[in-house]
Amino acid sequence: MHRPRRRIPKPQLGRVLDDKGLLVGLLLLPFLAAVAFIAQFLELLYYLCLLVYGIAMSPFWSVRALWRAFGPAVTPEELGRRAEARKTVKTTAGCLAWIVGLVIVVLGVMVAIGLNMDK
């Protein structure tokens, strides 16, 4: 079956500003720009708060995980927590080792490129 094609009307460029929606959209552009600026500022504040929280709370969680992993444990609940904390510490140490390794490789490549630039 063949569907009949609908004709797409050609745009009337002389009547663009006759459309009220377009005119309202153009008038709203400064307002939308201000709202976008405020949204960006609020997003920046959000990430700054997350950063402050991470810096302030990181030592607490690190010490707590290390204490649970290597501190005294007597009850079965504490022994379960110890096993979980040791798994967390091992995973974190592995991730940090990978990150440090990648940083060393990237810095080594940058130094090698810098030393070979004069040749």
N, C-alpha and C. Protein backbone atom coordinates (compact mmCIF):
# COMPACT_ATOMS: atom_id res chain seq x y z
N MET A 1 0.84 -1.19 0.00
CA MET A 1 0.00 0.00 0.00
C MET A 1 0.88 1.24 0.00
N HIS A 2 0.44 2.18 -0.72
CA HIS A 2 1.20 3.42 -0.85
C HIS A 2 0.41 4.54 -0.20
N ARG A 3 1.04 5.18 0.78
CA ARG A 3 0.38 6.31 1.46
C ARG A 3 0.58 7.57 0.64
N PRO A 4 -0.43 8.38 0.59
CA PRO A 4 -0.23 9.65 -0.12
C PRO A 4 0.69 10.57 0.69
N ARG A 5 1.54 11.27 0.00
CA ARG A 5 2.46 12.18 0.68
C ARG A 5 1.73 13.47 1.05
N ARG A 6 2.06 13.95 2.23
CA ARG A 6 1.52 15.24 2.64
C ARG A 6 2.50 16.32 2.25
N ARG A 7 1.97 17.40 1.81
CA ARG A 7 2.83 18.52 1.43
C ARG A 7 3.28 19.25 2.68
N ILE A 8 4.56 19.53 2.74
CA ILE A 8 5.10 20.31 3.84
C ILE A 8 5.13 21.76 3.37
N PRO A 9 4.43 22.62 4.09
CA PRO A 9 4.39 24.01 3.62
C PRO A 9 5.76 24.67 3.76
N LYS A 10 6.06 25.52 2.81
CA LYS A 10 7.31 26.27 2.88
C LYS A 10 7.19 27.34 3.95
N PRO A 11 8.28 27.60 4.66
CA PRO A 11 8.20 28.62 5.70
C PRO A 11 8.04 30.02 5.10
N GLN A 12 7.21 30.79 5.76
CA GLN A 12 7.01 32.18 5.36
C GLN A 12 7.91 33.05 6.26
N LEU A 13 9.10 33.34 5.79
CA LEU A 13 10.06 34.03 6.63
C LEU A 13 9.63 35.46 6.95
N GLY A 14 8.80 36.04 6.14
CA GLY A 14 8.33 37.40 6.42
C GLY A 14 7.34 37.44 7.58
N ARG A 15 6.73 36.32 7.91
CA ARG A 15 5.72 36.30 8.97
C ARG A 15 6.22 35.61 10.23
N VAL A 16 7.53 35.54 10.42
CA VAL A 16 8.08 34.83 11.58
C VAL A 16 7.67 35.51 12.88
N LEU A 17 7.74 36.84 12.92
CA LEU A 17 7.42 37.55 14.15
C LEU A 17 5.92 37.69 14.38
N ASP A 18 5.11 37.23 13.45
CA ASP A 18 3.67 37.25 13.67
C ASP A 18 3.26 36.17 14.66
N ASP A 19 4.08 35.15 14.80
CA ASP A 19 3.78 34.06 15.70
C ASP A 19 4.01 34.51 17.14
N LYS A 20 2.95 34.45 17.97
CA LYS A 20 3.05 34.94 19.35
C LYS A 20 3.99 34.06 20.18
N GLY A 21 3.99 32.74 19.95
CA GLY A 21 4.84 31.85 20.73
C GLY A 21 6.31 32.15 20.54
N LEU A 22 6.70 32.43 19.32
CA LEU A 22 8.10 32.76 19.05
C LEU A 22 8.47 34.08 19.71
N LEU A 23 7.56 35.05 19.64
CA LEU A 23 7.83 36.35 20.25
C LEU A 23 7.97 36.22 21.77
N VAL A 24 7.07 35.44 22.37
CA VAL A 24 7.17 35.21 23.82
C VAL A 24 8.47 34.49 24.15
N GLY A 25 8.85 33.52 23.31
CA GLY A 25 10.11 32.81 23.52
C GLY A 25 11.30 33.74 23.45
N LEU A 26 11.29 34.65 22.50
CA LEU A 26 12.39 35.61 22.40
C LEU A 26 12.42 36.56 23.59
N LEU A 27 11.24 36.95 24.07
CA LEU A 27 11.19 37.84 25.24
C LEU A 27 11.61 37.11 26.52
N LEU A 28 11.43 35.80 26.55
CA LEU A 28 11.80 35.04 27.75
C LEU A 28 13.28 34.67 27.79
N LEU A 29 14.01 34.87 26.70
CA LEU A 29 15.41 34.48 26.68
C LEU A 29 16.25 35.10 27.81
N PRO A 30 16.14 36.39 28.11
CA PRO A 30 16.93 36.94 29.23
C PRO A 30 16.55 36.30 30.57
N PHE A 31 15.26 36.06 30.76
CA PHE A 31 14.81 35.41 32.00
C PHE A 31 15.37 33.99 32.10
N LEU A 32 15.33 33.25 31.00
CA LEU A 32 15.84 31.89 31.00
C LEU A 32 17.36 31.88 31.22
N ALA A 33 18.05 32.87 30.68
CA ALA A 33 19.49 32.96 30.90
C ALA A 33 19.79 33.21 32.38
N ALA A 34 19.00 34.05 33.03
CA ALA A 34 19.19 34.31 34.46
C ALA A 34 18.90 33.05 35.28
N VAL A 35 17.84 32.34 34.92
CA VAL A 35 17.52 31.10 35.63
C VAL A 35 18.64 30.08 35.45
N ALA A 36 19.18 29.98 34.23
CA ALA A 36 20.28 29.05 33.98
C ALA A 36 21.51 29.42 34.80
N PHE A 37 21.79 30.73 34.92
CA PHE A 37 22.93 31.16 35.72
C PHE A 37 22.74 30.79 37.18
N ILE A 38 21.55 31.02 37.70
CA ILE A 38 21.26 30.66 39.09
C ILE A 38 21.37 29.15 39.29
N ALA A 39 20.90 28.38 38.31
CA ALA A 39 20.98 26.93 38.41
C ALA A 39 22.44 26.47 38.44
N GLN A 40 23.28 27.09 37.63
CA GLN A 40 24.70 26.75 37.63
C GLN A 40 25.33 27.10 38.97
N PHE A 41 24.96 28.23 39.53
CA PHE A 41 25.49 28.64 40.83
C PHE A 41 25.06 27.66 41.92
N LEU A 42 23.79 27.24 41.89
CA LEU A 42 23.31 26.27 42.88
C LEU A 42 24.01 24.92 42.73
N GLU A 43 24.27 24.54 41.48
CA GLU A 43 25.00 23.28 41.26
C GLU A 43 26.41 23.38 41.82
N LEU A 44 27.06 24.52 41.64
CA LEU A 44 28.38 24.72 42.19
C LEU A 44 28.35 24.62 43.72
N LEU A 45 27.36 25.24 44.34
CA LEU A 45 27.24 25.15 45.79
C LEU A 45 27.02 23.71 46.24
N TYR A 46 26.21 22.97 45.49
CA TYR A 46 25.95 21.56 45.82
C TYR A 46 27.25 20.76 45.81
N TYR A 47 28.05 20.93 44.76
CA TYR A 47 29.30 20.18 44.68
C TYR A 47 30.31 20.64 45.73
N LEU A 48 30.30 21.92 46.06
CA LEU A 48 31.18 22.40 47.13
C LEU A 48 30.78 21.78 48.47
N CYS A 49 29.48 21.68 48.72
CA CYS A 49 29.02 21.04 49.96
C CYS A 49 29.43 19.57 50.00
N LEU A 50 29.31 18.88 48.86
CA LEU A 50 29.75 17.48 48.82
C LEU A 50 31.25 17.36 49.08
N LEU A 51 32.01 18.29 48.53
CA LEU A 51 33.45 18.28 48.74
C LEU A 51 33.79 18.49 50.22
N VAL A 52 33.14 19.48 50.84
CA VAL A 52 33.39 19.75 52.27
C VAL A 52 32.99 18.54 53.10
N TYR A 53 31.84 17.94 52.78
CA TYR A 53 31.40 16.76 53.52
C TYR A 53 32.40 15.62 53.36
N GLY A 54 32.88 15.42 52.13
CA GLY A 54 33.85 14.35 51.89
C GLY A 54 35.15 14.57 52.64
N ILE A 55 35.62 15.81 52.65
CA ILE A 55 36.87 16.12 53.35
C ILE A 55 36.70 15.98 54.86
N ALA A 56 35.55 16.42 55.37
CA ALA A 56 35.32 16.38 56.81
C ALA A 56 35.06 14.96 57.30
N MET A 57 34.33 14.16 56.52
CA MET A 57 33.91 12.85 57.00
C MET A 57 34.86 11.72 56.60
N SER A 58 35.73 11.96 55.63
CA SER A 58 36.61 10.89 55.17
C SER A 58 37.49 10.32 56.29
N PRO A 59 38.13 11.14 57.11
CA PRO A 59 38.94 10.55 58.19
C PRO A 59 38.10 9.71 59.15
N PHE A 60 36.88 10.13 59.43
CA PHE A 60 36.02 9.37 60.34
C PHE A 60 35.75 7.98 59.80
N TRP A 61 35.33 7.90 58.52
CA TRP A 61 35.00 6.60 57.94
C TRP A 61 36.24 5.75 57.77
N SER A 62 37.37 6.38 57.44
CA SER A 62 38.61 5.62 57.28
C SER A 62 39.05 5.01 58.61
N VAL A 63 39.06 5.82 59.66
CA VAL A 63 39.46 5.32 60.98
C VAL A 63 38.49 4.26 61.46
N ARG A 64 37.21 4.47 61.22
CA ARG A 64 36.20 3.49 61.65
C ARG A 64 36.41 2.16 60.93
N ALA A 65 36.65 2.21 59.60
CA ALA A 65 36.87 0.96 58.86
C ALA A 65 38.14 0.26 59.32
N LEU A 66 39.22 1.03 59.55
CA LEU A 66 40.46 0.42 60.01
C LEU A 66 40.31 -0.17 61.42
N TRP A 67 39.59 0.53 62.28
CA TRP A 67 39.37 0.03 63.65
C TRP A 67 38.57 -1.27 63.62
N ARG A 68 37.54 -1.29 62.77
CA ARG A 68 36.73 -2.51 62.68
C ARG A 68 37.52 -3.65 62.05
N ALA A 69 38.41 -3.32 61.12
CA ALA A 69 39.17 -4.37 60.44
C ALA A 69 40.25 -4.97 61.33
N PHE A 70 40.90 -4.13 62.13
CA PHE A 70 42.07 -4.60 62.88
C PHE A 70 41.91 -4.47 64.39
N GLY A 71 40.77 -3.98 64.86
CA GLY A 71 40.55 -3.84 66.29
C GLY A 71 40.06 -5.14 66.91
N PRO A 72 39.79 -5.08 68.21
CA PRO A 72 39.33 -6.29 68.90
C PRO A 72 37.91 -6.68 68.47
N ALA A 73 37.68 -7.98 68.39
CA ALA A 73 36.35 -8.50 68.05
C ALA A 73 36.13 -9.78 68.83
N VAL A 74 34.98 -9.85 69.52
CA VAL A 74 34.68 -11.02 70.35
C VAL A 74 33.40 -11.70 69.90
N THR A 75 32.36 -10.93 69.73
CA THR A 75 31.05 -11.50 69.40
C THR A 75 31.00 -11.87 67.92
N PRO A 76 30.07 -12.76 67.55
CA PRO A 76 29.93 -13.12 66.13
C PRO A 76 29.58 -11.91 65.25
N GLU A 77 28.81 -10.98 65.82
CA GLU A 77 28.47 -9.77 65.04
C GLU A 77 29.72 -8.95 64.75
N GLU A 78 30.58 -8.78 65.75
CA GLU A 78 31.82 -8.03 65.56
C GLU A 78 32.76 -8.76 64.60
N LEU A 79 32.76 -10.09 64.66
CA LEU A 79 33.60 -10.85 63.73
C LEU A 79 33.11 -10.69 62.29
N GLY A 80 31.80 -10.63 62.11
CA GLY A 80 31.24 -10.38 60.78
C GLY A 80 31.60 -9.00 60.28
N ARG A 81 31.50 -8.02 61.18
CA ARG A 81 31.90 -6.66 60.80
C ARG A 81 33.38 -6.60 60.46
N ARG A 82 34.19 -7.34 61.22
CA ARG A 82 35.63 -7.35 60.97
C ARG A 82 35.92 -7.89 59.56
N ALA A 83 35.26 -8.99 59.19
CA ALA A 83 35.47 -9.58 57.87
C ALA A 83 35.05 -8.60 56.77
N GLU A 84 33.91 -7.95 56.99
CA GLU A 84 33.43 -6.98 56.00
C GLU A 84 34.38 -5.79 55.90
N ALA A 85 34.86 -5.30 57.04
CA ALA A 85 35.77 -4.16 57.04
C ALA A 85 37.10 -4.52 56.39
N ARG A 86 37.57 -5.74 56.62
CA ARG A 86 38.83 -6.15 55.99
C ARG A 86 38.68 -6.24 54.47
N LYS A 87 37.52 -6.70 54.01
CA LYS A 87 37.26 -6.73 52.58
C LYS A 87 37.25 -5.31 52.00
N THR A 88 36.63 -4.39 52.74
CA THR A 88 36.57 -2.99 52.29
C THR A 88 37.97 -2.38 52.23
N VAL A 89 38.77 -2.63 53.27
CA VAL A 89 40.13 -2.08 53.31
C VAL A 89 40.96 -2.65 52.17
N LYS A 90 40.82 -3.96 51.91
CA LYS A 90 41.58 -4.59 50.83
C LYS A 90 41.17 -4.01 49.47
N THR A 91 39.87 -3.82 49.25
CA THR A 91 39.39 -3.25 47.99
C THR A 91 39.88 -1.82 47.82
N THR A 92 39.79 -1.03 48.89
CA THR A 92 40.24 0.37 48.82
C THR A 92 41.73 0.45 48.53
N ALA A 93 42.51 -0.40 49.19
CA ALA A 93 43.95 -0.40 48.95
C ALA A 93 44.25 -0.79 47.50
N GLY A 94 43.51 -1.74 46.96
CA GLY A 94 43.71 -2.12 45.56
C GLY A 94 43.38 -1.00 44.60
N CYS A 95 42.27 -0.31 44.87
CA CYS A 95 41.88 0.83 44.01
C CYS A 95 42.92 1.94 44.08
N LEU A 96 43.39 2.23 45.30
CA LEU A 96 44.40 3.28 45.44
C LEU A 96 45.70 2.88 44.73
N ALA A 97 46.06 1.59 44.78
CA ALA A 97 47.27 1.14 44.10
C ALA A 97 47.13 1.33 42.59
N TRP A 98 45.97 1.01 42.03
CA TRP A 98 45.73 1.22 40.60
C TRP A 98 45.82 2.70 40.24
N ILE A 99 45.22 3.55 41.06
CA ILE A 99 45.24 4.99 40.78
C ILE A 99 46.67 5.52 40.83
N VAL A 100 47.43 5.12 41.85
CA VAL A 100 48.82 5.57 41.96
C VAL A 100 49.64 5.05 40.78
N GLY A 101 49.40 3.80 40.39
CA GLY A 101 50.10 3.25 39.23
C GLY A 101 49.80 4.02 37.96
N LEU A 102 48.53 4.35 37.74
CA LEU A 102 48.17 5.13 36.55
C LEU A 102 48.78 6.51 36.58
N VAL A 103 48.81 7.15 37.75
CA VAL A 103 49.43 8.47 37.86
C VAL A 103 50.92 8.40 37.54
N ILE A 104 51.58 7.34 38.03
CA ILE A 104 53.02 7.19 37.74
C ILE A 104 53.25 6.98 36.25
N VAL A 105 52.42 6.17 35.61
CA VAL A 105 52.56 5.93 34.16
C VAL A 105 52.33 7.23 33.39
N VAL A 106 51.28 7.98 33.73
CA VAL A 106 50.99 9.23 33.02
C VAL A 106 52.12 10.23 33.22
N LEU A 107 52.59 10.37 34.45
CA LEU A 107 53.70 11.29 34.70
C LEU A 107 54.96 10.85 33.97
N GLY A 108 55.22 9.53 33.92
CA GLY A 108 56.37 9.02 33.18
C GLY A 108 56.28 9.33 31.70
N VAL A 109 55.10 9.16 31.12
CA VAL A 109 54.91 9.48 29.70
C VAL A 109 55.09 10.97 29.47
N MET A 110 54.57 11.81 30.38
CA MET A 110 54.72 13.26 30.22
C MET A 110 56.19 13.66 30.29
N VAL A 111 56.94 13.06 31.22
CA VAL A 111 58.37 13.38 31.34
C VAL A 111 59.12 12.91 30.09
N ALA A 112 58.77 11.72 29.59
CA ALA A 112 59.44 11.21 28.39
C ALA A 112 59.15 12.11 27.20
N ILE A 113 57.91 12.56 27.06
CA ILE A 113 57.57 13.47 25.97
C ILE A 113 58.34 14.78 26.12
N GLY A 114 58.40 15.30 27.36
CA GLY A 114 59.11 16.55 27.61
C GLY A 114 60.60 16.44 27.31
N LEU A 115 61.20 15.29 27.64
CA LEU A 115 62.63 15.12 27.38
C LEU A 115 62.92 14.94 25.90
N ASN A 116 61.97 14.42 25.13
CA ASN A 116 62.19 14.20 23.71
C ASN A 116 61.75 15.37 22.84
N MET A 117 61.28 16.44 23.43
CA MET A 117 60.80 17.58 22.63
C MET A 117 61.96 18.32 21.98
N ASP A 118 63.14 18.33 22.59
CA ASP A 118 64.26 19.09 22.05
C ASP A 118 64.93 18.37 20.89
N LYS A 119 64.70 17.09 20.76
CA LYS A 119 65.36 16.32 19.70
C LYS A 119 64.72 16.47 18.37
